[in-house]
Amino acid sequence: MERLLNALRAIEKVDYIKPKQYLTNRDPKELVKEAVNLADEVLITKEGRPNFDNIAYLKANGFNVFPGETDSFGWLTGCIRTSKGIIVFG
């Protein structure tokens, strides 16, 4: 969790990541790819469901996490709001 939190804080600070609507694992910036991969690891349980304990931890540290795409079974993607854009994971 701390690695993800550190990556998100770094994204907020660096100048070379320019604000845009969405940041995904297709982004050429390694820091964004790292954040997406870490989010997949720690914000999704082994059963494929949202890890609400870790989501609450990010929220308590200033990062809003919310569902992106959903269907009748729940979240298909998740989103983390940053000042540089929404990071999409899942």
N, C-alpha and C. Protein backbone atom coordinates (compact mmCIF):
# COMPACT_ATOMS: atom_id res chain seq x y z
N MET A 1 0.82 -1.20 0.00
CA MET A 1 0.00 0.00 0.00
C MET A 1 0.86 1.25 0.00
N GLU A 2 1.92 1.21 0.78
CA GLU A 2 2.78 2.40 0.86
C GLU A 2 3.44 2.72 -0.49
N ARG A 3 3.79 1.68 -1.24
CA ARG A 3 4.39 1.92 -2.56
C ARG A 3 3.40 2.63 -3.48
N LEU A 4 2.14 2.22 -3.44
CA LEU A 4 1.12 2.89 -4.25
C LEU A 4 0.94 4.32 -3.78
N LEU A 5 0.84 4.53 -2.50
CA LEU A 5 0.67 5.89 -1.97
C LEU A 5 1.85 6.77 -2.37
N ASN A 6 3.06 6.24 -2.29
CA ASN A 6 4.24 7.01 -2.70
C ASN A 6 4.22 7.32 -4.19
N ALA A 7 3.80 6.36 -5.01
CA ALA A 7 3.72 6.60 -6.45
C ALA A 7 2.68 7.68 -6.76
N LEU A 8 1.55 7.64 -6.09
CA LEU A 8 0.51 8.66 -6.31
C LEU A 8 1.01 10.04 -5.89
N ARG A 9 1.69 10.10 -4.78
CA ARG A 9 2.24 11.40 -4.33
C ARG A 9 3.29 11.91 -5.31
N ALA A 10 4.09 11.00 -5.85
CA ALA A 10 5.10 11.41 -6.82
C ALA A 10 4.46 11.94 -8.10
N ILE A 11 3.40 11.28 -8.55
CA ILE A 11 2.67 11.75 -9.74
C ILE A 11 2.17 13.18 -9.51
N GLU A 12 1.69 13.44 -8.32
CA GLU A 12 1.20 14.78 -7.99
C GLU A 12 2.30 15.84 -8.09
N LYS A 13 3.54 15.46 -7.77
CA LYS A 13 4.63 16.43 -7.67
C LYS A 13 5.41 16.67 -8.95
N VAL A 14 5.58 15.64 -9.78
CA VAL A 14 6.47 15.78 -10.94
C VAL A 14 5.87 16.68 -12.01
N ASP A 15 6.75 17.40 -12.68
CA ASP A 15 6.31 18.32 -13.74
C ASP A 15 6.16 17.63 -15.08
N TYR A 16 6.85 16.50 -15.28
CA TYR A 16 6.84 15.88 -16.60
C TYR A 16 5.55 15.10 -16.90
N ILE A 17 4.70 14.91 -15.91
CA ILE A 17 3.38 14.33 -16.17
C ILE A 17 2.39 15.48 -16.23
N LYS A 18 1.89 15.70 -17.42
CA LYS A 18 0.97 16.82 -17.66
C LYS A 18 -0.47 16.39 -17.38
N PRO A 19 -1.26 17.28 -16.83
CA PRO A 19 -2.66 16.94 -16.54
C PRO A 19 -3.44 16.58 -17.80
N LYS A 20 -4.21 15.52 -17.69
CA LYS A 20 -5.15 15.12 -18.74
C LYS A 20 -6.28 14.36 -18.07
N GLN A 21 -7.31 14.02 -18.82
CA GLN A 21 -8.49 13.43 -18.20
C GLN A 21 -8.19 12.08 -17.55
N TYR A 22 -7.52 11.17 -18.29
CA TYR A 22 -7.27 9.83 -17.77
C TYR A 22 -5.81 9.46 -17.87
N LEU A 23 -5.33 8.71 -16.88
CA LEU A 23 -3.99 8.14 -16.87
C LEU A 23 -4.18 6.62 -16.78
N THR A 24 -3.65 5.88 -17.76
CA THR A 24 -3.84 4.43 -17.79
C THR A 24 -2.49 3.74 -17.94
N ASN A 25 -2.51 2.40 -17.91
CA ASN A 25 -1.27 1.66 -18.07
C ASN A 25 -0.71 1.77 -19.49
N ARG A 26 -1.42 2.42 -20.39
CA ARG A 26 -0.91 2.68 -21.75
C ARG A 26 -0.11 3.98 -21.80
N ASP A 27 -0.11 4.73 -20.71
CA ASP A 27 0.64 5.98 -20.63
C ASP A 27 2.13 5.66 -20.75
N PRO A 28 2.87 6.47 -21.52
CA PRO A 28 4.30 6.18 -21.69
C PRO A 28 5.16 6.45 -20.44
N LYS A 29 4.62 7.14 -19.46
CA LYS A 29 5.38 7.47 -18.25
C LYS A 29 5.42 6.26 -17.32
N GLU A 30 6.61 5.83 -16.95
CA GLU A 30 6.79 4.65 -16.10
C GLU A 30 6.11 4.82 -14.73
N LEU A 31 6.11 6.02 -14.20
CA LEU A 31 5.51 6.26 -12.89
C LEU A 31 4.00 5.98 -12.93
N VAL A 32 3.36 6.34 -14.03
CA VAL A 32 1.92 6.07 -14.18
C VAL A 32 1.69 4.57 -14.29
N LYS A 33 2.51 3.89 -15.10
CA LYS A 33 2.37 2.44 -15.25
C LYS A 33 2.56 1.75 -13.89
N GLU A 34 3.53 2.20 -13.13
CA GLU A 34 3.78 1.63 -11.81
C GLU A 34 2.56 1.81 -10.91
N ALA A 35 1.98 3.00 -10.91
CA ALA A 35 0.80 3.26 -10.07
C ALA A 35 -0.37 2.37 -10.48
N VAL A 36 -0.59 2.20 -11.77
CA VAL A 36 -1.69 1.35 -12.23
C VAL A 36 -1.45 -0.10 -11.81
N ASN A 37 -0.23 -0.59 -12.00
CA ASN A 37 0.08 -1.97 -11.62
C ASN A 37 -0.05 -2.19 -10.12
N LEU A 38 0.41 -1.23 -9.32
CA LEU A 38 0.28 -1.34 -7.87
C LEU A 38 -1.19 -1.28 -7.45
N ALA A 39 -1.97 -0.43 -8.09
CA ALA A 39 -3.40 -0.35 -7.79
C ALA A 39 -4.07 -1.70 -8.07
N ASP A 40 -3.71 -2.32 -9.20
CA ASP A 40 -4.26 -3.64 -9.52
C ASP A 40 -3.92 -4.65 -8.42
N GLU A 41 -2.72 -4.56 -7.89
CA GLU A 41 -2.26 -5.51 -6.86
C GLU A 41 -2.96 -5.31 -5.52
N VAL A 42 -3.08 -4.07 -5.08
CA VAL A 42 -3.53 -3.83 -3.71
C VAL A 42 -4.97 -3.35 -3.56
N LEU A 43 -5.59 -2.95 -4.64
CA LEU A 43 -6.97 -2.46 -4.55
C LEU A 43 -7.99 -3.47 -5.07
N ILE A 44 -7.49 -4.62 -5.55
CA ILE A 44 -8.36 -5.69 -6.02
C ILE A 44 -7.99 -6.95 -5.24
N THR A 45 -8.98 -7.61 -4.65
CA THR A 45 -8.72 -8.83 -3.90
C THR A 45 -8.41 -9.99 -4.84
N LYS A 46 -7.94 -11.09 -4.28
CA LYS A 46 -7.67 -12.30 -5.08
C LYS A 46 -8.94 -12.84 -5.72
N GLU A 47 -10.07 -12.51 -5.13
CA GLU A 47 -11.36 -12.95 -5.68
C GLU A 47 -11.87 -12.00 -6.76
N GLY A 48 -11.13 -10.92 -7.03
CA GLY A 48 -11.51 -9.98 -8.07
C GLY A 48 -12.46 -8.89 -7.64
N ARG A 49 -12.59 -8.69 -6.36
CA ARG A 49 -13.48 -7.66 -5.83
C ARG A 49 -12.66 -6.47 -5.32
N PRO A 50 -13.29 -5.32 -5.17
CA PRO A 50 -12.57 -4.17 -4.60
C PRO A 50 -12.10 -4.46 -3.18
N ASN A 51 -10.89 -4.06 -2.86
CA ASN A 51 -10.35 -4.20 -1.51
C ASN A 51 -10.71 -2.91 -0.76
N PHE A 52 -11.85 -2.94 -0.09
CA PHE A 52 -12.37 -1.71 0.53
C PHE A 52 -11.52 -1.21 1.70
N ASP A 53 -10.80 -2.09 2.35
CA ASP A 53 -9.90 -1.63 3.42
C ASP A 53 -8.78 -0.76 2.84
N ASN A 54 -8.17 -1.22 1.76
CA ASN A 54 -7.10 -0.44 1.13
C ASN A 54 -7.64 0.82 0.45
N ILE A 55 -8.84 0.73 -0.09
CA ILE A 55 -9.47 1.91 -0.69
C ILE A 55 -9.71 2.97 0.38
N ALA A 56 -10.18 2.54 1.55
CA ALA A 56 -10.40 3.48 2.66
C ALA A 56 -9.08 4.12 3.10
N TYR A 57 -8.00 3.35 3.08
CA TYR A 57 -6.69 3.88 3.44
C TYR A 57 -6.26 4.99 2.47
N LEU A 58 -6.45 4.76 1.17
CA LEU A 58 -6.11 5.81 0.20
C LEU A 58 -6.98 7.04 0.40
N LYS A 59 -8.26 6.81 0.63
CA LYS A 59 -9.17 7.95 0.86
C LYS A 59 -8.74 8.75 2.08
N ALA A 60 -8.32 8.05 3.13
CA ALA A 60 -7.86 8.73 4.35
C ALA A 60 -6.59 9.53 4.10
N ASN A 61 -5.87 9.18 3.04
CA ASN A 61 -4.65 9.89 2.68
C ASN A 61 -4.85 10.85 1.51
N GLY A 62 -6.10 11.19 1.22
CA GLY A 62 -6.40 12.25 0.28
C GLY A 62 -6.63 11.86 -1.16
N PHE A 63 -6.73 10.56 -1.46
CA PHE A 63 -6.96 10.12 -2.83
C PHE A 63 -8.32 9.46 -2.93
N ASN A 64 -9.23 10.09 -3.68
CA ASN A 64 -10.57 9.54 -3.86
C ASN A 64 -10.49 8.35 -4.81
N VAL A 65 -11.04 7.22 -4.37
CA VAL A 65 -11.10 6.00 -5.18
C VAL A 65 -12.57 5.68 -5.38
N PHE A 66 -12.94 5.38 -6.62
CA PHE A 66 -14.34 5.16 -6.93
C PHE A 66 -14.47 4.22 -8.13
N PRO A 67 -15.65 3.63 -8.33
CA PRO A 67 -15.82 2.75 -9.48
C PRO A 67 -15.82 3.54 -10.78
N GLY A 68 -15.26 2.92 -11.80
CA GLY A 68 -15.32 3.49 -13.15
C GLY A 68 -16.50 2.86 -13.85
N GLU A 69 -16.20 1.85 -14.66
CA GLU A 69 -17.25 1.08 -15.31
C GLU A 69 -17.79 0.05 -14.32
N THR A 70 -19.10 -0.15 -14.35
CA THR A 70 -19.72 -1.16 -13.49
C THR A 70 -20.72 -1.97 -14.32
N ASP A 71 -21.07 -3.13 -13.78
CA ASP A 71 -22.17 -3.90 -14.33
C ASP A 71 -22.97 -4.48 -13.15
N SER A 72 -23.86 -5.41 -13.42
CA SER A 72 -24.71 -5.93 -12.34
C SER A 72 -23.92 -6.70 -11.29
N PHE A 73 -22.68 -7.08 -11.58
CA PHE A 73 -21.85 -7.80 -10.61
C PHE A 73 -20.99 -6.85 -9.77
N GLY A 74 -20.85 -5.61 -10.18
CA GLY A 74 -20.04 -4.65 -9.43
C GLY A 74 -19.07 -3.89 -10.31
N TRP A 75 -17.91 -3.57 -9.74
CA TRP A 75 -16.91 -2.77 -10.43
C TRP A 75 -16.25 -3.57 -11.55
N LEU A 76 -16.12 -2.97 -12.73
CA LEU A 76 -15.29 -3.54 -13.80
C LEU A 76 -13.93 -2.85 -13.81
N THR A 77 -13.94 -1.56 -13.55
CA THR A 77 -12.70 -0.79 -13.40
C THR A 77 -12.83 0.09 -12.17
N GLY A 78 -11.69 0.49 -11.65
CA GLY A 78 -11.67 1.44 -10.55
C GLY A 78 -10.92 2.68 -10.99
N CYS A 79 -11.11 3.75 -10.26
CA CYS A 79 -10.49 5.03 -10.58
C CYS A 79 -9.92 5.67 -9.33
N ILE A 80 -8.77 6.32 -9.50
CA ILE A 80 -8.17 7.10 -8.43
C ILE A 80 -8.01 8.52 -8.95
N ARG A 81 -8.62 9.48 -8.28
CA ARG A 81 -8.53 10.87 -8.73
C ARG A 81 -7.23 11.49 -8.21
N THR A 82 -6.45 12.07 -9.14
CA THR A 82 -5.25 12.84 -8.80
C THR A 82 -5.39 14.19 -9.46
N SER A 83 -4.51 15.10 -9.11
CA SER A 83 -4.54 16.42 -9.74
C SER A 83 -4.08 16.36 -11.19
N LYS A 84 -3.44 15.26 -11.60
CA LYS A 84 -2.97 15.10 -12.98
C LYS A 84 -3.97 14.38 -13.87
N GLY A 85 -4.99 13.79 -13.25
CA GLY A 85 -5.99 13.05 -14.01
C GLY A 85 -6.47 11.85 -13.23
N ILE A 86 -7.40 11.13 -13.79
CA ILE A 86 -7.95 9.96 -13.14
C ILE A 86 -7.15 8.74 -13.58
N ILE A 87 -6.61 8.02 -12.60
CA ILE A 87 -5.88 6.79 -12.88
C ILE A 87 -6.91 5.67 -12.93
N VAL A 88 -6.91 4.94 -14.04
CA VAL A 88 -7.86 3.84 -14.25
C VAL A 88 -7.12 2.52 -14.02
N PHE A 89 -7.70 1.67 -13.17
CA PHE A 89 -7.09 0.37 -12.90
C PHE A 89 -8.16 -0.71 -12.99
N GLY A 90 -7.71 -1.95 -13.02
CA GLY A 90 -8.64 -3.08 -13.01
C GLY A 90 -8.70 -3.80 -14.31
